[in-house]
N, C-alpha and C. Protein backbone atom coordinates (compact mmCIF):
# COMPACT_ATOMS: atom_id res chain seq x y z
N MET A 1 -143.72 -36.18 125.09
CA MET A 1 -143.28 -36.63 126.65
C MET A 1 -143.16 -36.21 127.26
N GLU A 2 -143.73 -36.22 128.97
CA GLU A 2 -144.17 -35.07 129.97
C GLU A 2 -143.04 -35.23 130.17
N LYS A 3 -142.87 -33.41 130.59
CA LYS A 3 -140.93 -33.80 131.36
C LYS A 3 -140.58 -34.50 132.22
N ARG A 4 -139.68 -34.93 133.04
CA ARG A 4 -139.08 -35.89 133.97
C ARG A 4 -138.33 -34.92 134.63
N ASN A 5 -138.52 -35.34 136.24
CA ASN A 5 -136.99 -34.70 136.64
C ASN A 5 -135.50 -35.59 136.25
N PRO A 6 -134.80 -34.67 136.37
CA PRO A 6 -132.61 -35.48 136.38
C PRO A 6 -133.08 -36.42 137.48
N ILE A 7 -132.53 -38.02 137.50
CA ILE A 7 -132.34 -38.86 138.07
C ILE A 7 -131.12 -39.00 138.61
N ILE A 8 -130.37 -38.49 139.43
CA ILE A 8 -129.63 -38.71 140.18
C ILE A 8 -128.86 -40.67 140.49
N LEU A 9 -127.51 -40.68 140.32
CA LEU A 9 -128.03 -42.46 140.44
C LEU A 9 -126.75 -42.28 141.11
N ILE A 10 -126.29 -42.77 142.59
CA ILE A 10 -125.53 -43.23 143.72
C ILE A 10 -124.54 -44.22 143.21
N HIS A 11 -123.80 -45.01 143.32
CA HIS A 11 -123.08 -45.80 143.46
C HIS A 11 -122.86 -46.17 144.66
N GLY A 12 -122.40 -47.20 144.72
CA GLY A 12 -121.85 -48.23 146.00
C GLY A 12 -119.91 -48.38 147.08
N LEU A 13 -120.42 -49.31 146.98
CA LEU A 13 -117.91 -49.77 147.42
C LEU A 13 -117.77 -50.36 146.47
N TRP A 14 -116.78 -49.78 146.15
CA TRP A 14 -115.67 -50.50 145.20
C TRP A 14 -116.85 -50.55 143.74
N ASN A 15 -117.57 -49.95 143.17
CA ASN A 15 -118.01 -49.70 142.69
C ASN A 15 -117.44 -48.61 141.52
N THR A 16 -118.17 -47.92 140.30
CA THR A 16 -118.09 -47.27 139.17
C THR A 16 -119.19 -46.58 138.96
N SER A 17 -119.40 -45.87 138.32
CA SER A 17 -121.08 -45.49 137.85
C SER A 17 -121.03 -46.14 136.24
N SER A 18 -120.07 -46.52 136.44
CA SER A 18 -120.20 -47.69 135.33
C SER A 18 -121.23 -49.56 135.61
N ILE A 19 -121.89 -49.46 137.98
CA ILE A 19 -122.20 -50.55 137.57
C ILE A 19 -123.70 -50.22 137.14
N PHE A 20 -124.64 -48.84 136.83
CA PHE A 20 -125.45 -48.61 136.49
C PHE A 20 -124.95 -48.74 134.66
N SER A 21 -124.15 -49.66 134.08
CA SER A 21 -124.50 -49.56 132.73
C SER A 21 -125.94 -49.81 131.79
N SER A 22 -126.10 -50.90 132.63
CA SER A 22 -127.98 -51.33 132.20
C SER A 22 -128.78 -50.59 132.28
N ILE A 23 -129.31 -50.14 133.65
CA ILE A 23 -129.42 -48.59 133.95
C ILE A 23 -129.63 -47.45 132.51
N THR A 24 -128.41 -46.90 132.66
CA THR A 24 -128.41 -46.56 131.78
C THR A 24 -128.74 -45.91 130.32
N SER A 25 -128.38 -47.11 129.91
CA SER A 25 -128.78 -47.61 128.33
C SER A 25 -130.14 -46.74 128.07
N LYS A 26 -130.75 -47.63 128.95
CA LYS A 26 -132.22 -47.97 128.21
C LYS A 26 -133.07 -46.20 129.01
N LEU A 27 -132.27 -45.76 130.28
CA LEU A 27 -132.61 -44.48 129.75
C LEU A 27 -132.24 -43.10 129.05
N ASP A 28 -131.56 -43.84 128.36
CA ASP A 28 -130.83 -43.44 127.53
C ASP A 28 -132.02 -43.63 126.02
N ASP A 29 -132.23 -44.22 126.35
CA ASP A 29 -134.01 -44.45 125.07
C ASP A 29 -134.20 -44.26 125.42
N ILE A 30 -135.08 -43.92 126.48
CA ILE A 30 -136.37 -43.13 126.51
C ILE A 30 -136.41 -41.41 127.25
N GLY A 31 -135.04 -41.66 126.65
CA GLY A 31 -134.57 -40.05 127.17
C GLY A 31 -134.67 -39.47 128.48
N ILE A 32 -134.66 -40.02 129.93
CA ILE A 32 -134.12 -39.79 130.76
C ILE A 32 -133.46 -38.70 131.62
N GLU A 33 -133.26 -37.85 131.68
CA GLU A 33 -131.82 -36.98 131.62
C GLU A 33 -131.21 -37.42 133.36
N TYR A 34 -129.91 -38.36 133.37
CA TYR A 34 -129.81 -38.96 135.10
C TYR A 34 -128.51 -37.73 134.83
N PHE A 35 -127.55 -38.27 136.59
CA PHE A 35 -126.04 -37.72 136.39
C PHE A 35 -125.30 -38.83 137.41
N ALA A 36 -123.88 -39.10 136.68
CA ALA A 36 -124.40 -40.91 137.74
C ALA A 36 -122.47 -40.92 137.93
N PRO A 37 -122.19 -39.65 139.00
CA PRO A 37 -120.60 -39.14 138.94
C PRO A 37 -119.90 -40.23 139.43
N THR A 38 -118.59 -40.52 140.28
CA THR A 38 -117.73 -41.72 140.27
C THR A 38 -117.46 -41.33 141.04
N LEU A 39 -118.19 -41.67 142.42
CA LEU A 39 -117.23 -41.07 143.96
C LEU A 39 -115.87 -41.79 144.06
N LYS A 40 -115.23 -41.28 144.71
CA LYS A 40 -113.19 -42.32 145.25
C LYS A 40 -114.19 -42.42 147.03
N HIS A 41 -114.43 -43.80 146.97
CA HIS A 41 -114.35 -44.30 148.37
C HIS A 41 -113.28 -44.67 148.80
N SER A 42 -111.97 -45.14 148.31
CA SER A 42 -110.91 -45.15 148.63
C SER A 42 -111.16 -47.08 150.14
N TYR A 43 -111.62 -47.01 149.03
CA TYR A 43 -111.95 -48.93 149.00
C TYR A 43 -112.53 -49.21 150.96
N GLY A 44 -113.53 -47.87 151.15
CA GLY A 44 -114.33 -48.03 152.23
C GLY A 44 -113.58 -46.60 153.21
N MET A 45 -112.13 -46.38 153.65
CA MET A 45 -112.17 -45.57 154.38
C MET A 45 -112.82 -43.76 154.22
N THR A 46 -113.38 -43.52 152.90
CA THR A 46 -114.05 -42.14 153.23
C THR A 46 -115.09 -42.08 153.67
N SER A 47 -115.66 -41.96 155.05
CA SER A 47 -116.18 -41.22 155.75
C SER A 47 -117.48 -40.86 154.72
N ILE A 48 -119.32 -41.61 154.53
CA ILE A 48 -120.50 -41.25 154.53
C ILE A 48 -120.58 -40.30 153.80
N ILE A 49 -120.54 -38.82 155.10
CA ILE A 49 -120.67 -37.70 155.58
C ILE A 49 -119.43 -36.43 154.44
N ASP A 50 -118.35 -37.52 154.03
CA ASP A 50 -117.32 -36.99 153.81
C ASP A 50 -117.57 -37.10 151.44
N LEU A 51 -118.45 -37.92 151.49
CA LEU A 51 -118.94 -38.44 149.81
C LEU A 51 -119.99 -37.76 150.29
N THR A 52 -120.79 -37.61 151.21
CA THR A 52 -121.89 -36.62 150.53
C THR A 52 -121.89 -35.74 150.38
N ASN A 53 -120.03 -35.27 150.87
CA ASN A 53 -119.73 -33.46 150.37
C ASN A 53 -119.94 -33.29 149.30
N ILE A 54 -118.96 -34.78 149.20
CA ILE A 54 -118.47 -34.92 147.13
C ILE A 54 -119.85 -34.00 146.40
N LEU A 55 -120.81 -34.89 146.76
CA LEU A 55 -121.84 -35.55 145.94
C LEU A 55 -122.25 -33.94 145.41
N ASN A 56 -122.75 -33.59 147.20
CA ASN A 56 -123.66 -32.48 146.60
C ASN A 56 -123.59 -30.84 146.53
N LYS A 57 -121.41 -31.47 145.96
CA LYS A 57 -120.78 -30.27 145.61
C LYS A 57 -121.12 -30.69 143.72
N LEU A 58 -121.10 -31.29 143.41
CA LEU A 58 -121.87 -31.99 142.41
C LEU A 58 -122.89 -31.81 141.38
N ILE A 59 -123.62 -32.15 143.05
CA ILE A 59 -125.14 -31.70 142.08
C ILE A 59 -125.48 -30.33 142.08
N LEU A 60 -124.84 -29.38 143.01
CA LEU A 60 -125.11 -27.34 143.07
C LEU A 60 -123.90 -27.22 141.77
N GLU A 61 -123.55 -27.47 141.12
CA GLU A 61 -122.09 -27.86 139.89
C GLU A 61 -123.41 -27.56 138.54
N LYS A 62 -123.70 -28.37 138.74
CA LYS A 62 -124.52 -29.22 138.07
C LYS A 62 -126.09 -28.87 137.86
N TYR A 63 -126.41 -28.83 138.43
CA TYR A 63 -128.33 -28.04 138.37
C TYR A 63 -128.85 -26.83 139.43
N GLY A 64 -127.83 -25.87 140.46
CA GLY A 64 -128.23 -25.39 141.54
C GLY A 64 -128.50 -25.44 142.23
N LEU A 65 -129.31 -24.40 143.26
CA LEU A 65 -129.87 -24.91 144.15
C LEU A 65 -131.95 -25.38 143.76
N GLU A 66 -132.16 -25.54 143.16
CA GLU A 66 -133.55 -25.27 142.99
C GLU A 66 -134.15 -26.67 142.23
N LYS A 67 -133.42 -27.69 141.32
CA LYS A 67 -133.96 -28.02 140.55
C LYS A 67 -134.28 -29.28 140.98
N GLU A 68 -135.33 -30.20 140.79
CA GLU A 68 -136.72 -30.72 141.09
C GLU A 68 -135.71 -32.17 140.91
N LEU A 69 -135.15 -33.04 141.08
CA LEU A 69 -134.24 -34.64 140.75
C LEU A 69 -135.14 -35.10 141.98
N ASP A 70 -134.62 -36.64 141.39
CA ASP A 70 -135.11 -38.12 141.75
C ASP A 70 -133.47 -38.71 142.42
N ILE A 71 -134.02 -39.46 143.33
CA ILE A 71 -132.16 -40.05 143.69
C ILE A 71 -132.43 -41.51 143.41
N LEU A 72 -131.56 -42.03 143.10
CA LEU A 72 -131.63 -43.28 142.75
C LEU A 72 -130.46 -43.72 144.22
N GLY A 73 -129.98 -44.87 144.91
CA GLY A 73 -128.34 -44.87 144.72
C GLY A 73 -128.58 -46.84 144.80
N PHE A 74 -127.51 -47.12 144.98
CA PHE A 74 -127.24 -48.59 145.19
C PHE A 74 -126.28 -48.98 146.03
N SER A 75 -126.35 -49.79 147.32
CA SER A 75 -126.27 -49.93 147.87
C SER A 75 -125.38 -49.21 148.82
N MET A 76 -124.23 -48.67 149.06
CA MET A 76 -123.71 -47.79 150.53
C MET A 76 -123.91 -46.36 149.19
N GLY A 77 -124.34 -46.35 147.51
CA GLY A 77 -125.44 -45.32 146.74
C GLY A 77 -126.03 -44.95 147.64
N GLY A 78 -126.94 -45.90 148.17
CA GLY A 78 -129.39 -45.13 148.52
C GLY A 78 -128.38 -44.53 150.20
N ILE A 79 -127.45 -45.11 151.19
CA ILE A 79 -127.02 -44.20 152.52
C ILE A 79 -126.55 -42.62 152.03
N ILE A 80 -125.92 -43.12 151.06
CA ILE A 80 -125.51 -41.17 150.78
C ILE A 80 -126.57 -40.31 150.57
N GLY A 81 -127.60 -41.13 149.38
CA GLY A 81 -128.55 -40.50 149.18
C GLY A 81 -129.35 -40.25 150.18
N ARG A 82 -129.75 -40.79 151.22
CA ARG A 82 -130.57 -40.99 152.16
C ARG A 82 -129.99 -40.02 152.93
N TYR A 83 -128.63 -39.53 153.24
CA TYR A 83 -127.82 -38.62 153.73
C TYR A 83 -128.21 -37.03 153.04
N TRP A 84 -128.28 -37.33 151.95
CA TRP A 84 -127.80 -35.72 151.62
C TRP A 84 -129.40 -35.01 151.02
N ILE A 85 -130.64 -36.13 151.28
CA ILE A 85 -131.89 -36.03 151.43
C ILE A 85 -131.98 -34.83 152.95
N GLN A 86 -131.47 -35.64 154.21
CA GLN A 86 -132.15 -35.80 155.07
C GLN A 86 -131.20 -34.85 155.95
N LYS A 87 -129.22 -34.62 155.39
CA LYS A 87 -129.31 -33.56 156.31
C LYS A 87 -128.65 -32.42 155.64
N LEU A 88 -128.77 -32.11 154.09
CA LEU A 88 -127.58 -31.32 152.68
C LEU A 88 -129.12 -30.99 152.33
N ASN A 89 -130.01 -30.83 153.35
CA ASN A 89 -131.78 -29.74 152.76
C ASN A 89 -132.08 -30.50 150.94
N GLY A 90 -131.38 -31.63 150.60
CA GLY A 90 -132.21 -32.24 149.65
C GLY A 90 -133.00 -32.67 149.33
N TYR A 91 -134.28 -32.81 150.96
CA TYR A 91 -135.69 -33.19 150.89
C TYR A 91 -136.68 -31.62 150.22
N LYS A 92 -135.79 -30.43 150.58
CA LYS A 92 -136.45 -29.79 149.52
C LYS A 92 -136.51 -30.42 147.70
N ARG A 93 -135.83 -30.81 147.64
CA ARG A 93 -135.96 -30.58 145.94
C ARG A 93 -136.25 -32.26 145.53
N THR A 94 -136.36 -33.30 146.20
CA THR A 94 -136.06 -35.01 146.35
C THR A 94 -137.38 -34.68 145.52
N ARG A 95 -138.50 -35.68 144.45
CA ARG A 95 -139.72 -36.12 144.75
C ARG A 95 -139.60 -37.26 144.56
N ARG A 96 -138.57 -38.49 144.64
CA ARG A 96 -138.58 -39.71 144.76
C ARG A 96 -137.39 -40.14 145.54
N PHE A 97 -137.15 -41.06 145.48
CA PHE A 97 -135.99 -41.59 146.89
C PHE A 97 -136.19 -42.81 146.51
N ILE A 98 -134.75 -43.95 145.51
CA ILE A 98 -136.18 -45.08 145.53
C ILE A 98 -133.91 -45.08 146.13
N SER A 99 -133.93 -46.82 146.42
CA SER A 99 -132.40 -47.21 147.13
C SER A 99 -132.65 -49.02 146.82
N ILE A 100 -131.80 -49.22 146.50
CA ILE A 100 -131.81 -51.05 145.62
C ILE A 100 -130.41 -51.22 146.76
N GLY A 101 -130.96 -52.40 147.55
CA GLY A 101 -129.63 -52.85 148.59
C GLY A 101 -129.75 -52.51 149.15
N SER A 102 -129.48 -51.13 149.60
CA SER A 102 -128.75 -49.85 150.53
C SER A 102 -129.08 -50.53 152.53
N PRO A 103 -127.72 -51.21 152.81
CA PRO A 103 -128.39 -51.13 154.43
C PRO A 103 -128.94 -49.76 155.51
N HIS A 104 -130.26 -49.57 155.40
CA HIS A 104 -130.57 -48.64 156.06
C HIS A 104 -130.11 -49.23 157.91
N LYS A 105 -131.08 -50.00 157.79
CA LYS A 105 -130.26 -50.44 159.79
C LYS A 105 -129.50 -51.49 159.58
N GLY A 106 -128.37 -51.71 158.78
CA GLY A 106 -127.16 -51.41 159.18
C GLY A 106 -126.92 -53.31 158.33
N THR A 107 -125.76 -53.50 158.30
CA THR A 107 -125.50 -55.38 157.64
C THR A 107 -124.12 -55.69 159.02
N LEU A 108 -124.60 -56.84 158.95
CA LEU A 108 -123.22 -57.81 159.73
C LEU A 108 -121.98 -58.21 159.49
N ILE A 109 -122.22 -57.51 157.60
CA ILE A 109 -120.57 -58.19 157.17
C ILE A 109 -119.63 -56.70 157.61
N ALA A 110 -120.71 -55.54 158.12
CA ALA A 110 -119.61 -54.35 158.18
C ALA A 110 -118.93 -54.03 160.28
N GLN A 111 -119.97 -55.73 160.56
CA GLN A 111 -119.78 -56.03 161.90
C GLN A 111 -117.68 -55.84 162.65
N ILE A 112 -117.62 -56.99 161.26
CA ILE A 112 -115.72 -57.54 161.64
C ILE A 112 -115.40 -57.00 161.21
N VAL A 113 -115.42 -55.07 160.28
CA VAL A 113 -114.83 -54.69 159.60
C VAL A 113 -113.73 -53.39 160.76
N PRO A 114 -113.09 -53.35 160.73
CA PRO A 114 -112.69 -52.12 162.20
C PRO A 114 -113.05 -50.46 161.43
N LYS A 115 -112.77 -49.43 163.30
CA LYS A 115 -113.59 -48.53 162.23
C LYS A 115 -112.07 -47.58 162.09
N TYR A 116 -111.02 -47.59 162.18
CA TYR A 116 -109.93 -47.77 161.54
C TYR A 116 -108.75 -48.22 160.76
N PRO A 117 -109.16 -48.57 159.47
CA PRO A 117 -109.17 -47.00 158.89
C PRO A 117 -110.27 -46.80 158.16
N PHE A 118 -110.71 -47.74 158.59
CA PHE A 118 -112.25 -47.78 157.21
C PHE A 118 -113.57 -47.17 157.42
N ARG A 119 -113.30 -45.54 157.73
CA ARG A 119 -114.58 -45.08 158.72
C ARG A 119 -115.87 -45.31 157.41
N GLY A 120 -115.55 -45.30 156.34
CA GLY A 120 -117.03 -44.97 155.62
C GLY A 120 -117.90 -46.81 155.78
N ILE A 121 -117.47 -47.48 155.47
CA ILE A 121 -118.09 -49.07 156.05
C ILE A 121 -117.97 -49.41 157.33
N SER A 122 -117.46 -48.29 158.56
CA SER A 122 -118.10 -48.56 160.03
C SER A 122 -119.65 -48.41 160.24
N GLU A 123 -119.57 -47.42 159.23
CA GLU A 123 -120.95 -45.70 159.03
C GLU A 123 -122.34 -47.05 159.23
N MET A 124 -121.81 -47.75 158.36
CA MET A 124 -122.88 -48.85 157.99
C MET A 124 -123.01 -50.29 158.98
N LYS A 125 -121.81 -50.88 159.60
CA LYS A 125 -122.79 -50.76 160.73
C LYS A 125 -123.71 -51.30 161.61
N ILE A 126 -124.62 -51.86 162.17
CA ILE A 126 -125.55 -52.20 162.84
C ILE A 126 -125.69 -51.04 164.02
N ASN A 127 -126.38 -50.21 164.30
CA ASN A 127 -126.63 -48.98 165.34
C ASN A 127 -125.73 -48.05 164.95
N SER A 128 -124.96 -48.14 163.79
CA SER A 128 -123.99 -46.77 163.68
C SER A 128 -124.43 -45.91 164.19
N ASN A 129 -123.82 -45.08 163.97
CA ASN A 129 -123.88 -43.17 165.31
C ASN A 129 -124.81 -42.61 163.91
N LEU A 130 -124.30 -43.14 162.94
CA LEU A 130 -124.60 -42.24 161.59
C LEU A 130 -126.17 -42.98 161.28
N LEU A 131 -126.55 -43.96 161.32
CA LEU A 131 -127.37 -45.27 160.79
C LEU A 131 -128.73 -44.47 162.24
N ARG A 132 -127.82 -44.10 163.33
CA ARG A 132 -129.79 -43.57 164.07
C ARG A 132 -129.34 -42.15 164.16
N GLU A 133 -128.77 -41.55 163.72
CA GLU A 133 -128.67 -40.52 163.76
C GLU A 133 -129.26 -40.36 161.96
N LEU A 134 -129.86 -40.43 161.06
CA LEU A 134 -130.67 -40.92 160.50
C LEU A 134 -131.74 -40.89 161.08
N ALA A 135 -131.99 -42.25 161.60
CA ALA A 135 -133.79 -42.69 161.97
C ALA A 135 -134.21 -41.75 162.65
N LYS A 136 -133.21 -41.09 163.14
CA LYS A 136 -133.68 -40.00 163.92
C LYS A 136 -134.39 -38.62 163.45
N ASN A 137 -134.17 -38.87 161.76
CA ASN A 137 -134.64 -37.23 161.45
C ASN A 137 -135.62 -37.97 160.46
N ASP A 138 -135.52 -39.39 160.42
CA ASP A 138 -136.68 -39.71 159.64
C ASP A 138 -137.77 -38.43 158.30
N PHE A 139 -138.34 -37.95 159.26
CA PHE A 139 -139.54 -36.97 158.98
C PHE A 139 -139.02 -36.70 157.60
N PHE A 140 -137.78 -36.05 157.14
CA PHE A 140 -137.44 -35.25 156.53
C PHE A 140 -137.84 -36.65 154.69
N LEU A 141 -138.31 -37.45 155.05
CA LEU A 141 -138.91 -38.00 153.83
C LEU A 141 -140.63 -38.71 153.60
N ASN A 142 -140.51 -37.52 154.89
CA ASN A 142 -142.27 -37.91 154.71
C ASN A 142 -143.20 -37.04 153.26
N ASP A 143 -142.45 -36.51 153.13
CA ASP A 143 -142.62 -36.03 151.27
C ASP A 143 -142.65 -36.22 150.42
N ILE A 144 -141.54 -37.59 151.02
CA ILE A 144 -140.81 -38.30 149.70
C ILE A 144 -141.58 -39.47 149.35
N GLU A 145 -141.25 -39.46 147.90
CA GLU A 145 -142.13 -40.95 147.23
C GLU A 145 -140.93 -41.56 147.51
N CYS A 146 -140.96 -42.98 148.52
CA CYS A 146 -139.43 -43.76 148.70
C CYS A 146 -139.68 -45.16 148.36
N ILE A 147 -139.75 -45.92 147.29
CA ILE A 147 -139.19 -47.37 146.77
C ILE A 147 -137.71 -47.66 147.39
N ASN A 148 -137.98 -49.38 148.08
CA ASN A 148 -136.96 -50.30 148.34
C ASN A 148 -136.79 -51.33 147.21
N PHE A 149 -135.71 -51.27 146.57
CA PHE A 149 -135.52 -53.05 146.53
C PHE A 149 -135.19 -53.55 146.91
N PHE A 150 -135.57 -54.94 146.53
CA PHE A 150 -134.50 -55.45 148.28
C PHE A 150 -134.22 -57.49 147.47
N THR A 151 -133.16 -58.23 147.79
CA THR A 151 -132.94 -59.95 147.81
C THR A 151 -133.28 -60.22 148.72
N PHE A 152 -134.44 -61.33 149.11
CA PHE A 152 -133.77 -61.82 151.06
C PHE A 152 -132.26 -62.78 150.43
N TRP A 153 -131.61 -63.31 149.10
CA TRP A 153 -130.88 -63.69 148.82
C TRP A 153 -129.25 -62.76 148.81
N ASP A 154 -129.71 -61.62 149.91
CA ASP A 154 -128.32 -60.34 149.83
C ASP A 154 -127.00 -61.15 151.12
N LEU A 155 -126.52 -61.06 150.08
CA LEU A 155 -124.87 -61.24 151.09
C LEU A 155 -124.23 -61.13 150.85
N MET A 156 -124.42 -59.41 150.68
CA MET A 156 -123.54 -58.01 151.18
C MET A 156 -124.06 -57.20 151.78
N VAL A 157 -125.61 -56.94 152.19
CA VAL A 157 -125.99 -56.55 153.23
C VAL A 157 -127.21 -57.55 153.25
N PHE A 158 -126.29 -57.75 154.42
CA PHE A 158 -127.26 -58.85 155.31
C PHE A 158 -126.98 -59.07 157.12
N PRO A 159 -129.44 -59.11 157.54
CA PRO A 159 -129.94 -59.71 156.78
C PRO A 159 -130.07 -58.54 155.69
N GLY A 160 -130.59 -59.52 154.34
CA GLY A 160 -131.10 -58.56 153.04
C GLY A 160 -132.55 -57.75 153.64
N TRP A 161 -133.14 -58.00 154.07
CA TRP A 161 -134.55 -57.05 154.65
C TRP A 161 -134.03 -56.45 155.51
N TRP A 162 -133.20 -55.89 155.72
CA TRP A 162 -132.86 -55.26 156.46
C TRP A 162 -132.72 -53.80 155.35
N THR A 163 -132.25 -53.45 154.51
CA THR A 163 -132.06 -52.77 152.81
C THR A 163 -133.00 -51.61 153.34
N ASN A 164 -134.23 -52.34 154.02
CA ASN A 164 -135.24 -51.65 153.95
C ASN A 164 -136.21 -50.16 154.70
N LEU A 165 -136.22 -49.22 154.69
CA LEU A 165 -137.01 -48.17 155.02
C LEU A 165 -137.90 -48.70 156.23
N ASN A 166 -138.68 -47.97 157.12
CA ASN A 166 -139.15 -48.61 157.53
C ASN A 166 -140.72 -48.65 157.02
N PHE A 167 -140.52 -47.25 155.97
CA PHE A 167 -142.70 -47.30 155.33
C PHE A 167 -141.46 -46.83 153.53
N GLY A 168 -142.47 -46.66 153.03
CA GLY A 168 -141.91 -46.72 151.46
C GLY A 168 -142.94 -47.45 150.68
N LYS A 169 -142.31 -48.18 149.69
CA LYS A 169 -142.33 -49.48 148.91
C LYS A 169 -141.79 -50.54 149.03
N LYS A 170 -141.77 -51.34 148.99
CA LYS A 170 -141.66 -51.88 149.97
C LYS A 170 -140.80 -53.36 147.94
N ILE A 171 -140.09 -53.32 147.03
CA ILE A 171 -139.72 -54.42 146.27
C ILE A 171 -138.92 -55.26 145.98
N SER A 172 -139.49 -56.80 146.29
CA SER A 172 -138.53 -57.60 146.77
C SER A 172 -138.04 -58.16 145.17
N VAL A 173 -137.13 -58.81 144.81
CA VAL A 173 -136.37 -59.50 143.89
C VAL A 173 -136.00 -60.83 143.44
N LYS A 174 -135.98 -61.42 143.19
CA LYS A 174 -135.30 -62.37 143.29
C LYS A 174 -133.96 -62.59 142.73
N VAL A 175 -132.27 -62.53 143.14
CA VAL A 175 -131.74 -62.42 142.63
C VAL A 175 -130.08 -63.33 144.12
N TYR A 176 -129.58 -63.90 143.08
CA TYR A 176 -128.96 -64.22 143.79
C TYR A 176 -127.00 -63.66 144.11
N LYS A 177 -127.21 -62.51 143.61
CA LYS A 177 -125.64 -61.09 144.10
C LYS A 177 -126.23 -60.27 144.50
N HIS A 178 -125.20 -59.41 145.33
CA HIS A 178 -125.78 -58.01 145.50
C HIS A 178 -125.93 -57.32 144.14
N ARG A 179 -124.89 -56.78 143.61
CA ARG A 179 -124.82 -56.54 142.07
C ARG A 179 -126.24 -56.08 141.20
N ASN A 180 -126.62 -57.93 140.93
CA ASN A 180 -127.41 -57.92 140.07
C ASN A 180 -129.17 -57.43 140.44
N LEU A 181 -128.90 -56.68 141.60
CA LEU A 181 -129.77 -55.71 142.09
C LEU A 181 -130.01 -54.80 140.59
N VAL A 182 -128.48 -53.88 139.63
CA VAL A 182 -129.19 -53.11 139.07
C VAL A 182 -128.37 -53.54 138.06
N ARG A 183 -128.46 -55.13 137.43
CA ARG A 183 -126.99 -56.09 136.54
C ARG A 183 -128.67 -56.89 135.70
N ASN A 184 -129.08 -57.38 137.15
CA ASN A 184 -130.34 -58.57 136.58
C ASN A 184 -131.21 -58.21 135.40
N LYS A 185 -131.66 -58.32 134.18
CA LYS A 185 -131.81 -58.22 133.14
C LYS A 185 -133.86 -58.49 133.67
N TYR A 186 -134.66 -58.57 134.72
CA TYR A 186 -135.80 -58.26 135.22
C TYR A 186 -136.03 -57.60 136.01
N VAL A 187 -134.73 -57.19 137.06
CA VAL A 187 -134.77 -56.05 137.76
C VAL A 187 -134.56 -54.63 137.38
N VAL A 188 -133.65 -54.18 136.13
CA VAL A 188 -133.55 -53.66 135.48
C VAL A 188 -134.49 -52.81 135.53
N ASP A 189 -135.55 -54.06 133.93
CA ASP A 189 -136.19 -53.52 133.86
C ASP A 189 -137.92 -53.21 134.90
N LYS A 190 -137.66 -53.69 136.20
CA LYS A 190 -138.28 -53.53 137.31
C LYS A 190 -138.34 -51.80 137.56
N ILE A 191 -137.31 -51.47 137.98
CA ILE A 191 -136.39 -50.51 138.16
C ILE A 191 -136.81 -49.26 137.19
N ILE A 192 -137.17 -49.64 136.00
CA ILE A 192 -137.28 -48.80 134.98
C ILE A 192 -138.73 -48.21 135.22
N SER A 193 -138.87 -49.32 135.13
CA SER A 193 -140.82 -48.89 135.22
C SER A 193 -141.18 -47.97 136.27
N VAL A 194 -140.86 -48.37 137.70
CA VAL A 194 -140.09 -47.29 138.71
C VAL A 194 -140.56 -45.88 138.59
N ILE A 195 -138.81 -45.86 137.97
CA ILE A 195 -138.58 -44.75 136.91
C ILE A 195 -139.50 -43.58 136.47
N THR A 196 -140.35 -44.40 135.72
CA THR A 196 -140.79 -43.71 134.90
C THR A 196 -142.28 -43.72 135.27
N MET A 197 -142.71 -44.02 136.34
CA MET A 197 -143.60 -43.93 136.28
C MET A 197 -145.22 -42.88 136.93
């Protein structure tokens, strides 16, 4: 079997890495290495920048500076993954970036949350400084295969199509709960087929 890159799985707010259990059991079956650390979001009080720095330290400890990786981020995890790629030189070693229900253009849900003490959530507001900064540096994703999964019925990242980057492949799936984007059997099978492409 062709040797595949290890895949970094980055969970979202109010989740732990166990949210990926349906995906990781299939990755175990087909022998693809993954790394799924649990990051402490502190209910959205921890900044995305701080979470990315923690993730970077964990990646460096496990894989060093050069090993090529694939990145998969669910919800806020997709923003953390994107920040790592664009701001912490991850673009130099990332082949594929899969984001699933990630608020790349912000979410209306975050608009009602105060900046203090919920810094992490407020960074997902529409036109937040962090999202504007990432949009300005999108060229770092030019040589990376980007794939966006989303549902039009997403009530957590709303409106659902705002989860998409302006480029890359967009895959619409019919699920009704945000977490089902990584739990629903049909969607998980589609995600696995993308990972194994």
